[in-house]
Amino acid sequence: MPPLPDVVAAGNIFLSNQAFLSATTTSGKGGNITLNVDDLLLLRRNSQISTTAGIDLAGGDGGNILINSDLIVAIPKENSDITANAFTGKGGNINITTQGIFGLEFRKLQTPLSDITASSEFGIAGVVDIDILGIDPAKGLTELPTEIVDGSKLIAQNFCRVVTQDSQFVVTGRGGLPNSPNQTLRANTPWEDLRLVEENKLRSPKLPPKSRSEQPKKKDKQSERIVEAQGWITTPNGDVLLTAKPVMATSEGLWLHPQDCRLWKQTVR
């Protein structure tokens, strides 16, 4: 197997069916692995990225692992691991920078699940630093109550009686729309202007009084009065005149009296 370069750069890295990137040692210090992945680092079916030292139960410190990847994905139950362990020496350091990591979890010791470990059997454990650049959606979740709230219990059955005995609730409606969807439309809806009108606007301006010479002369009430005709006379010309009072004949035989003549109102030909 050719030696592993110091830095591996790729768009995507897929490890499957016990595939591995390894810098392990049987004794002595483990090597270092640096991965720069643009998109996805995928581990499937017991795949490994390891810098474990002293795999033959010998001494040596674990190597360091540095991973920069947009996404790191593994299946939890497939036992795909990222390890920098040691036996008697110190565990290595693991630094991961990613937008999201799924299926892998940091644990102090290796398990049958997919792990990230930097442990030591008899020495000091290493340091694991995972920097998530993206937003973890699980941290922003809020647990909602499971009980359903009965909205009818939140509304008072008689609001006017609860507040005060003098309260009122009046539904005036809007235009031709009914107060309830179950009611029919009203063709002739009364309209009332409820706006407040200033009294000053309703008052007409006062004009200065006219002088006595400008005031109109009062007419004679008797001349303005219209009286129903009570009689009639015939003039020597043959004209018929209506009189306001009945004509009274005198012993001299005169039909027309001066009092009757003042009250003539109409000439009928």
C-alpha atoms as a PDB file:
ATOM      1  CA  MET A   1       0.000   0.000   0.000  1.00  0.00           C
ATOM      2  CA  PRO A   2       1.494   3.377  -0.948  1.00  0.00           C
ATOM      3  CA  PRO A   3       2.142   5.832   1.863  1.00  0.00           C
ATOM      4  CA  LEU A   4      -0.665   8.206   2.761  1.00  0.00           C
ATOM      5  CA  PRO A   5       0.001  11.846   1.794  1.00  0.00           C
ATOM      6  CA  ASP A   6       0.023  14.518   4.471  1.00  0.00           C
ATOM      7  CA  VAL A   7      -3.217  16.122   3.164  1.00  0.00           C
ATOM      8  CA  VAL A   8      -6.032  14.466   1.194  1.00  0.00           C
ATOM      9  CA  ALA A   9      -8.196  16.928  -0.753  1.00  0.00           C
ATOM     10  CA  ALA A  10     -11.282  15.796  -2.672  1.00  0.00           C
ATOM     11  CA  GLY A  11     -14.766  16.850  -3.634  1.00  0.00           C
ATOM     12  CA  ASN A  12     -16.297  13.748  -1.976  1.00  0.00           C
ATOM     13  CA  ILE A  13     -14.887  10.768  -0.042  1.00  0.00           C
ATOM     14  CA  PHE A  14     -16.876   7.506   0.216  1.00  0.00           C
ATOM     15  CA  LEU A  15     -15.690   4.689   2.479  1.00  0.00           C
ATOM     16  CA  SER A  16     -17.780   1.484   2.383  1.00  0.00           C
ATOM     17  CA  ASN A  17     -17.550  -2.247   3.225  1.00  0.00           C
ATOM     18  CA  GLN A  18     -14.701  -2.045   5.793  1.00  0.00           C
ATOM     19  CA  ALA A  19     -12.749   0.505   3.776  1.00  0.00           C
ATOM     20  CA  PHE A  20     -10.358   2.654   5.796  1.00  0.00           C
ATOM     21  CA  LEU A  21      -7.958   5.593   5.882  1.00  0.00           C
ATOM     22  CA  SER A  22      -5.367   4.551   8.430  1.00  0.00           C
ATOM     23  CA  ALA A  23      -2.165   5.862  10.007  1.00  0.00           C
ATOM     24  CA  THR A  24      -2.040   3.268  12.809  1.00  0.00           C
ATOM     25  CA  THR A  25       1.091   1.739  14.404  1.00  0.00           C
ATOM     26  CA  THR A  26       1.718  -1.491  16.273  1.00  0.00           C
ATOM     27  CA  SER A  27       4.057   0.404  18.585  1.00  0.00           C
ATOM     28  CA  GLY A  28       5.152   3.996  18.778  1.00  0.00           C
ATOM     29  CA  LYS A  29       3.251   7.146  17.888  1.00  0.00           C
ATOM     30  CA  GLY A  30       0.476   7.008  15.330  1.00  0.00           C
ATOM     31  CA  GLY A  31       0.540   9.114  12.174  1.00  0.00           C
ATOM     32  CA  ASN A  32      -1.562  12.163  11.281  1.00  0.00           C
ATOM     33  CA  ILE A  33      -4.460  12.414   8.783  1.00  0.00           C
ATOM     34  CA  THR A  34      -5.779  15.642   7.244  1.00  0.00           C
ATOM     35  CA  LEU A  35      -8.883  15.576   5.028  1.00  0.00           C
ATOM     36  CA  ASN A  36     -10.221  18.558   3.091  1.00  0.00           C
ATOM     37  CA  VAL A  37     -13.558  17.574   1.548  1.00  0.00           C
ATOM     38  CA  ASP A  38     -15.647  20.039  -0.411  1.00  0.00           C
ATOM     39  CA  ASP A  39     -19.040  18.321  -0.124  1.00  0.00           C
ATOM     40  CA  LEU A  40     -19.525  14.951   1.585  1.00  0.00           C
ATOM     41  CA  LEU A  41     -17.528  12.497   3.701  1.00  0.00           C
ATOM     42  CA  LEU A  42     -19.544   9.238   3.876  1.00  0.00           C
ATOM     43  CA  LEU A  43     -18.696   6.169   6.016  1.00  0.00           C
ATOM     44  CA  ARG A  44     -20.689   2.927   5.473  1.00  0.00           C
ATOM     45  CA  ARG A  45     -20.557  -0.697   6.758  1.00  0.00           C
ATOM     46  CA  ASN A  46     -17.755  -0.758   9.312  1.00  0.00           C
ATOM     47  CA  SER A  47     -15.472   1.742   7.592  1.00  0.00           C
ATOM     48  CA  GLN A  48     -12.667   3.460   9.536  1.00  0.00           C
ATOM     49  CA  ILE A  49     -10.564   6.626   9.719  1.00  0.00           C
ATOM     50  CA  SER A  50      -7.918   5.834  12.319  1.00  0.00           C
ATOM     51  CA  THR A  51      -4.597   7.032  13.777  1.00  0.00           C
ATOM     52  CA  THR A  52      -4.594   4.565  16.668  1.00  0.00           C
ATOM     53  CA  ALA A  53      -1.185   3.742  18.203  1.00  0.00           C
ATOM     54  CA  GLY A  54       0.034   0.538  19.887  1.00  0.00           C
ATOM     55  CA  ILE A  55      -2.488  -1.808  18.387  1.00  0.00           C
ATOM     56  CA  ASP A  56      -0.339  -4.728  19.640  1.00  0.00           C
ATOM     57  CA  LEU A  57      -0.884  -3.475  23.206  1.00  0.00           C
ATOM     58  CA  ALA A  58       2.402  -1.612  23.008  1.00  0.00           C
ATOM     59  CA  GLY A  59       3.218   1.988  23.943  1.00  0.00           C
ATOM     60  CA  GLY A  60       2.850   5.096  21.805  1.00  0.00           C
ATOM     61  CA  ASP A  61       0.599   8.131  21.537  1.00  0.00           C
ATOM     62  CA  GLY A  62      -2.297   8.257  19.109  1.00  0.00           C
ATOM     63  CA  GLY A  63      -1.923  10.397  16.020  1.00  0.00           C
ATOM     64  CA  ASN A  64      -3.976  13.504  15.158  1.00  0.00           C
ATOM     65  CA  ILE A  65      -6.947  13.722  12.756  1.00  0.00           C
ATOM     66  CA  LEU A  66      -7.999  16.986  11.077  1.00  0.00           C
ATOM     67  CA  ILE A  67     -11.159  16.947   8.938  1.00  0.00           C
ATOM     68  CA  ASN A  68     -12.707  19.847   7.043  1.00  0.00           C
ATOM     69  CA  SER A  69     -15.886  18.752   5.247  1.00  0.00           C
ATOM     70  CA  ASP A  70     -19.219  20.268   4.348  1.00  0.00           C
ATOM     71  CA  LEU A  71     -21.102  17.180   5.584  1.00  0.00           C
ATOM     72  CA  ILE A  72     -20.012  14.058   7.484  1.00  0.00           C
ATOM     73  CA  VAL A  73     -22.488  11.158   7.368  1.00  0.00           C
ATOM     74  CA  ALA A  74     -22.536   7.611   8.736  1.00  0.00           C
ATOM     75  CA  ILE A  75     -25.153   5.004   9.701  1.00  0.00           C
ATOM     76  CA  PRO A  76     -25.297   4.717  13.511  1.00  0.00           C
ATOM     77  CA  LYS A  77     -25.704   0.896  13.639  1.00  0.00           C
ATOM     78  CA  GLU A  78     -23.018   0.095  11.017  1.00  0.00           C
ATOM     79  CA  ASN A  79     -20.055   0.646  13.410  1.00  0.00           C
ATOM     80  CA  SER A  80     -18.118   3.098  11.241  1.00  0.00           C
ATOM     81  CA  ASP A  81     -15.607   4.970  13.413  1.00  0.00           C
ATOM     82  CA  ILE A  82     -13.160   7.886  13.496  1.00  0.00           C
ATOM     83  CA  THR A  83     -10.530   7.015  16.122  1.00  0.00           C
ATOM     84  CA  ALA A  84      -7.232   8.371  17.472  1.00  0.00           C
ATOM     85  CA  ASN A  85      -6.822   5.939  20.352  1.00  0.00           C
ATOM     86  CA  ALA A  86      -3.791   4.638  22.269  1.00  0.00           C
ATOM     87  CA  PHE A  87      -3.060   1.692  24.548  1.00  0.00           C
ATOM     88  CA  THR A  88      -0.548   2.827  27.132  1.00  0.00           C
ATOM     89  CA  GLY A  89       0.278   6.258  25.697  1.00  0.00           C
ATOM     90  CA  LYS A  90      -1.851   9.389  25.253  1.00  0.00           C
ATOM     91  CA  GLY A  91      -4.782   9.481  22.890  1.00  0.00           C
ATOM     92  CA  GLY A  92      -4.502  11.697  19.837  1.00  0.00           C
ATOM     93  CA  ASN A  93      -6.405  14.899  19.012  1.00  0.00           C
ATOM     94  CA  ILE A  94      -9.360  15.020  16.610  1.00  0.00           C
ATOM     95  CA  ASN A  95     -10.430  18.359  15.109  1.00  0.00           C
ATOM     96  CA  ILE A  96     -13.537  18.378  12.887  1.00  0.00           C
ATOM     97  CA  THR A  97     -14.981  21.437  11.130  1.00  0.00           C
ATOM     98  CA  THR A  98     -18.244  20.849   9.270  1.00  0.00           C
ATOM     99  CA  GLN A  99     -21.665  22.242   8.422  1.00  0.00           C
ATOM    100  CA  GLY A 100     -23.319  19.143   9.840  1.00  0.00           C
ATOM    101  CA  ILE A 101     -22.459  15.697  11.187  1.00  0.00           C
ATOM    102  CA  PHE A 102     -24.991  12.865  11.147  1.00  0.00           C
ATOM    103  CA  GLY A 103     -24.848   9.289  12.468  1.00  0.00           C
ATOM    104  CA  LEU A 104     -21.526   9.724  14.311  1.00  0.00           C
ATOM    105  CA  GLU A 105     -21.263  10.712  17.989  1.00  0.00           C
ATOM    106  CA  PHE A 106     -18.365  11.412  20.323  1.00  0.00           C
ATOM    107  CA  ARG A 107     -17.958   8.750  22.994  1.00  0.00           C
ATOM    108  CA  LYS A 108     -15.284   8.129  25.597  1.00  0.00           C
ATOM    109  CA  LEU A 109     -14.837   4.503  24.505  1.00  0.00           C
ATOM    110  CA  GLN A 110     -15.622   2.586  21.346  1.00  0.00           C
ATOM    111  CA  THR A 111     -19.027   0.889  21.089  1.00  0.00           C
ATOM    112  CA  PRO A 112     -20.825  -1.268  18.458  1.00  0.00           C
ATOM    113  CA  LEU A 113     -22.242   2.022  17.108  1.00  0.00           C
ATOM    114  CA  SER A 114     -20.540   4.610  14.908  1.00  0.00           C
ATOM    115  CA  ASP A 115     -18.155   6.510  17.233  1.00  0.00           C
ATOM    116  CA  ILE A 116     -15.654   9.347  17.387  1.00  0.00           C
ATOM    117  CA  THR A 117     -13.077   8.502  20.070  1.00  0.00           C
ATOM    118  CA  ALA A 118      -9.621   9.598  21.255  1.00  0.00           C
ATOM    119  CA  SER A 119      -9.299   7.276  24.224  1.00  0.00           C
ATOM    120  CA  SER A 120      -6.345   5.509  25.877  1.00  0.00           C
ATOM    121  CA  GLU A 121      -6.541   2.153  27.598  1.00  0.00           C
ATOM    122  CA  PHE A 122      -4.056   2.973  30.354  1.00  0.00           C
ATOM    123  CA  GLY A 123      -3.047   6.553  29.538  1.00  0.00           C
ATOM    124  CA  ILE A 124      -4.587   9.991  29.112  1.00  0.00           C
ATOM    125  CA  ALA A 125      -7.418  10.455  26.627  1.00  0.00           C
ATOM    126  CA  GLY A 126      -6.949  12.842  23.755  1.00  0.00           C
ATOM    127  CA  VAL A 127      -9.039  15.917  22.844  1.00  0.00           C
ATOM    128  CA  VAL A 128     -11.955  15.857  20.401  1.00  0.00           C
ATOM    129  CA  ASP A 129     -13.032  19.254  19.051  1.00  0.00           C
ATOM    130  CA  ILE A 130     -16.081  19.351  16.735  1.00  0.00           C
ATOM    131  CA  ASP A 131     -16.961  22.763  15.256  1.00  0.00           C
ATOM    132  CA  ILE A 132     -20.414  22.868  13.641  1.00  0.00           C
ATOM    133  CA  LEU A 133     -20.545  25.890  11.345  1.00  0.00           C
ATOM    134  CA  GLY A 134     -24.221  25.473  10.415  1.00  0.00           C
ATOM    135  CA  ILE A 135     -27.252  25.869  12.654  1.00  0.00           C
ATOM    136  CA  ASP A 136     -28.295  22.820  14.598  1.00  0.00           C
ATOM    137  CA  PRO A 137     -32.077  22.595  14.025  1.00  0.00           C
ATOM    138  CA  ALA A 138     -32.528  20.414  17.104  1.00  0.00           C
ATOM    139  CA  LYS A 139     -31.400  23.237  19.403  1.00  0.00           C
ATOM    140  CA  GLY A 140     -34.168  25.561  18.219  1.00  0.00           C
ATOM    141  CA  LEU A 141     -37.016  23.092  18.699  1.00  0.00           C
ATOM    142  CA  THR A 142     -39.657  23.848  21.324  1.00  0.00           C
ATOM    143  CA  GLU A 143     -41.718  21.050  22.796  1.00  0.00           C
ATOM    144  CA  LEU A 144     -45.394  21.793  22.344  1.00  0.00           C
ATOM    145  CA  PRO A 145     -48.019  20.717  24.892  1.00  0.00           C
ATOM    146  CA  THR A 146     -49.874  17.522  24.027  1.00  0.00           C
ATOM    147  CA  GLU A 147     -53.133  18.527  25.747  1.00  0.00           C
ATOM    148  CA  ILE A 148     -55.769  20.163  23.546  1.00  0.00           C
ATOM    149  CA  VAL A 149     -57.144  23.423  24.928  1.00  0.00           C
ATOM    150  CA  ASP A 150     -60.930  23.830  24.890  1.00  0.00           C
ATOM    151  CA  GLY A 151     -61.461  27.306  23.445  1.00  0.00           C
ATOM    152  CA  SER A 152     -65.068  27.524  24.711  1.00  0.00           C
ATOM    153  CA  LYS A 153     -63.821  27.575  28.315  1.00  0.00           C
ATOM    154  CA  LEU A 154     -61.689  30.645  27.604  1.00  0.00           C
ATOM    155  CA  ILE A 155     -64.722  32.771  26.593  1.00  0.00           C
ATOM    156  CA  ALA A 156     -67.205  34.079  29.166  1.00  0.00           C
ATOM    157  CA  GLN A 157     -70.771  33.009  28.425  1.00  0.00           C
ATOM    158  CA  ASN A 158     -72.192  36.431  29.350  1.00  0.00           C
ATOM    159  CA  PHE A 159     -69.497  39.053  29.025  1.00  0.00           C
ATOM    160  CA  CYS A 160     -71.794  41.984  29.837  1.00  0.00           C
ATOM    161  CA  ARG A 161     -72.871  40.390  33.122  1.00  0.00           C
ATOM    162  CA  VAL A 162     -69.296  39.555  34.108  1.00  0.00           C
ATOM    163  CA  VAL A 163     -67.997  43.105  33.623  1.00  0.00           C
ATOM    164  CA  THR A 164     -70.909  45.168  34.885  1.00  0.00           C
ATOM    165  CA  GLN A 165     -74.685  45.086  34.913  1.00  0.00           C
ATOM    166  CA  ASP A 166     -74.856  48.251  32.767  1.00  0.00           C
ATOM    167  CA  SER A 167     -72.691  46.989  29.896  1.00  0.00           C
ATOM    168  CA  GLN A 168     -74.135  46.532  26.415  1.00  0.00           C
ATOM    169  CA  PHE A 169     -73.032  44.899  23.208  1.00  0.00           C
ATOM    170  CA  VAL A 170     -74.686  46.282  20.070  1.00  0.00           C
ATOM    171  CA  VAL A 171     -74.235  44.874  16.569  1.00  0.00           C
ATOM    172  CA  THR A 172     -74.901  47.658  14.075  1.00  0.00           C
ATOM    173  CA  GLY A 173     -73.920  45.809  10.903  1.00  0.00           C
ATOM    174  CA  ARG A 174     -72.173  47.222   7.841  1.00  0.00           C
ATOM    175  CA  GLY A 175     -74.233  48.478   4.913  1.00  0.00           C
ATOM    176  CA  GLY A 176     -76.465  45.788   3.458  1.00  0.00           C
ATOM    177  CA  LEU A 177     -74.614  42.902   5.093  1.00  0.00           C
ATOM    178  CA  PRO A 178     -76.544  40.947   7.754  1.00  0.00           C
ATOM    179  CA  ASN A 179     -75.221  40.554  11.281  1.00  0.00           C
ATOM    180  CA  SER A 180     -75.061  36.784  10.854  1.00  0.00           C
ATOM    181  CA  PRO A 181     -74.281  34.598   7.796  1.00  0.00           C
ATOM    182  CA  ASN A 182     -77.550  32.749   8.495  1.00  0.00           C
ATOM    183  CA  GLN A 183     -79.653  35.905   7.964  1.00  0.00           C
ATOM    184  CA  THR A 184     -80.877  37.178   4.613  1.00  0.00           C
ATOM    185  CA  LEU A 185     -79.662  40.369   2.961  1.00  0.00           C
ATOM    186  CA  ARG A 186     -81.720  43.460   3.638  1.00  0.00           C
ATOM    187  CA  ALA A 187     -82.453  45.599   0.586  1.00  0.00           C
ATOM    188  CA  ASN A 188     -83.279  48.839   2.451  1.00  0.00           C
ATOM    189  CA  THR A 189     -80.761  49.314   5.215  1.00  0.00           C
ATOM    190  CA  PRO A 190     -81.208  52.536   7.199  1.00  0.00           C
ATOM    191  CA  TRP A 191     -78.223  54.787   7.401  1.00  0.00           C
ATOM    192  CA  GLU A 192     -77.563  57.181  10.227  1.00  0.00           C
ATOM    193  CA  ASP A 193     -74.768  59.721  10.416  1.00  0.00           C
ATOM    194  CA  LEU A 194     -73.227  59.324  13.864  1.00  0.00           C
ATOM    195  CA  ARG A 195     -70.461  61.853  13.349  1.00  0.00           C
ATOM    196  CA  LEU A 196     -70.179  64.790  15.711  1.00  0.00           C
ATOM    197  CA  VAL A 197     -70.852  68.081  13.923  1.00  0.00           C
ATOM    198  CA  GLU A 198     -69.502  71.304  15.322  1.00  0.00           C
ATOM    199  CA  GLU A 199     -72.198  73.735  16.362  1.00  0.00           C
ATOM    200  CA  ASN A 200     -70.293  76.669  14.936  1.00  0.00           C
ATOM    201  CA  LYS A 201     -70.600  75.267  11.421  1.00  0.00           C
ATOM    202  CA  LEU A 202     -74.384  75.057  11.735  1.00  0.00           C
ATOM    203  CA  ARG A 203     -74.838  78.644  12.812  1.00  0.00           C
ATOM    204  CA  SER A 204     -75.497  81.163  10.034  1.00  0.00           C
ATOM    205  CA  PRO A 205     -73.585  84.444  10.156  1.00  0.00           C
ATOM    206  CA  LYS A 206     -75.427  87.374  11.700  1.00  0.00           C
ATOM    207  CA  LEU A 207     -76.044  90.359   9.399  1.00  0.00           C
ATOM    208  CA  PRO A 208     -76.181  93.922  10.673  1.00  0.00           C
ATOM    209  CA  PRO A 209     -79.758  95.230  11.138  1.00  0.00           C
ATOM    210  CA  LYS A 210     -81.166  97.258   8.267  1.00  0.00           C
ATOM    211  CA  SER A 211     -82.099 100.857   8.680  1.00  0.00           C
ATOM    212  CA  ARG A 212     -85.749 101.846   8.872  1.00  0.00           C
ATOM    213  CA  SER A 213     -85.671 103.220   5.356  1.00  0.00           C
ATOM    214  CA  GLU A 214     -84.343  99.866   3.993  1.00  0.00           C
ATOM    215  CA  GLN A 215     -86.932  97.752   5.801  1.00  0.00           C
ATOM    216  CA  PRO A 216     -89.874  96.677   3.622  1.00  0.00           C
ATOM    217  CA  LYS A 217     -93.176  98.415   4.292  1.00  0.00           C
ATOM    218  CA  LYS A 218     -95.867  96.334   5.934  1.00  0.00           C
ATOM    219  CA  LYS A 219     -98.864  95.655   3.759  1.00  0.00           C
ATOM    220  CA  ASP A 220    -102.399  96.138   4.880  1.00  0.00           C
ATOM    221  CA  LYS A 221    -103.621  92.893   6.395  1.00  0.00           C
ATOM    222  CA  GLN A 222    -107.108  93.570   5.053  1.00  0.00           C
ATOM    223  CA  SER A 223    -105.823  93.938   1.493  1.00  0.00           C
ATOM    224  CA  GLU A 224    -103.837  90.706   1.707  1.00  0.00           C
ATOM    225  CA  ARG A 225    -106.772  88.707   3.013  1.00  0.00           C
ATOM    226  CA  ILE A 226    -108.706  86.676   0.460  1.00  0.00           C
ATOM    227  CA  VAL A 227    -112.385  86.290   1.305  1.00  0.00           C
ATOM    228  CA  GLU A 228    -114.791  83.905  -0.361  1.00  0.00           C
ATOM    229  CA  ALA A 229    -117.463  85.661  -2.460  1.00  0.00           C
ATOM    230  CA  GLN A 230    -120.790  86.001  -0.665  1.00  0.00           C
ATOM    231  CA  GLY A 231    -122.827  87.735  -3.362  1.00  0.00           C
ATOM    232  CA  TRP A 232    -122.928  89.347  -6.776  1.00  0.00           C
ATOM    233  CA  ILE A 233    -124.328  92.336  -8.580  1.00  0.00           C
ATOM    234  CA  THR A 234    -124.850  93.407 -12.171  1.00  0.00           C
ATOM    235  CA  THR A 235    -123.556  96.760 -13.359  1.00  0.00           C
ATOM    236  CA  PRO A 236    -125.384  98.948 -15.890  1.00  0.00           C
ATOM    237  CA  ASN A 237    -122.871  97.715 -18.474  1.00  0.00           C
ATOM    238  CA  GLY A 238    -124.011  94.161 -17.939  1.00  0.00           C
ATOM    239  CA  ASP A 239    -120.856  93.082 -16.016  1.00  0.00           C
ATOM    240  CA  VAL A 240    -121.248  90.711 -13.078  1.00  0.00           C
ATOM    241  CA  LEU A 241    -119.259  91.633  -9.969  1.00  0.00           C
ATOM    242  CA  LEU A 242    -118.636  89.289  -7.028  1.00  0.00           C
ATOM    243  CA  THR A 243    -118.937  90.838  -3.557  1.00  0.00           C
ATOM    244  CA  ALA A 244    -117.419  89.808  -0.265  1.00  0.00           C
ATOM    245  CA  LYS A 245    -120.734  90.389   1.556  1.00  0.00           C
ATOM    246  CA  PRO A 246    -124.298  89.655   0.544  1.00  0.00           C
ATOM    247  CA  VAL A 247    -126.022  92.508  -1.306  1.00  0.00           C
ATOM    248  CA  MET A 248    -128.787  94.169   0.686  1.00  0.00           C
ATOM    249  CA  ALA A 249    -131.501  96.070  -1.213  1.00  0.00           C
ATOM    250  CA  THR A 250    -132.739  99.429   0.237  1.00  0.00           C
ATOM    251  CA  SER A 251    -136.033 101.171   0.023  1.00  0.00           C
ATOM    252  CA  GLU A 252    -134.644 103.538  -2.552  1.00  0.00           C
ATOM    253  CA  GLY A 253    -133.948 100.521  -4.745  1.00  0.00           C
ATOM    254  CA  LEU A 254    -130.158 101.003  -4.905  1.00  0.00           C
ATOM    255  CA  TRP A 255    -128.314  97.708  -5.326  1.00  0.00           C
ATOM    256  CA  LEU A 256    -124.786  98.927  -4.953  1.00  0.00           C
ATOM    257  CA  HIS A 257    -123.639 100.366  -1.658  1.00  0.00           C
ATOM    258  CA  PRO A 258    -120.211 101.965  -1.036  1.00  0.00           C
ATOM    259  CA  GLN A 259    -119.400  99.261   1.576  1.00  0.00           C
ATOM    260  CA  ASP A 260    -119.968  96.517  -0.962  1.00  0.00           C
ATOM    261  CA  CYS A 261    -117.883  98.274  -3.608  1.00  0.00           C
ATOM    262  CA  ARG A 262    -114.708  98.321  -1.451  1.00  0.00           C
ATOM    263  CA  LEU A 263    -114.727  94.533  -1.204  1.00  0.00           C
ATOM    264  CA  TRP A 264    -115.055  93.626  -4.910  1.00  0.00           C
ATOM    265  CA  LYS A 265    -112.473  90.991  -5.709  1.00  0.00           C
ATOM    266  CA  GLN A 266    -113.218  89.668  -9.175  1.00  0.00           C
ATOM    267  CA  THR A 267    -114.990  90.736 -12.356  1.00  0.00           C
ATOM    268  CA  VAL A 268    -116.751  88.051 -14.335  1.00  0.00           C
ATOM    269  CA  ARG A 269    -117.697  88.826 -17.944  1.00  0.00           C
END
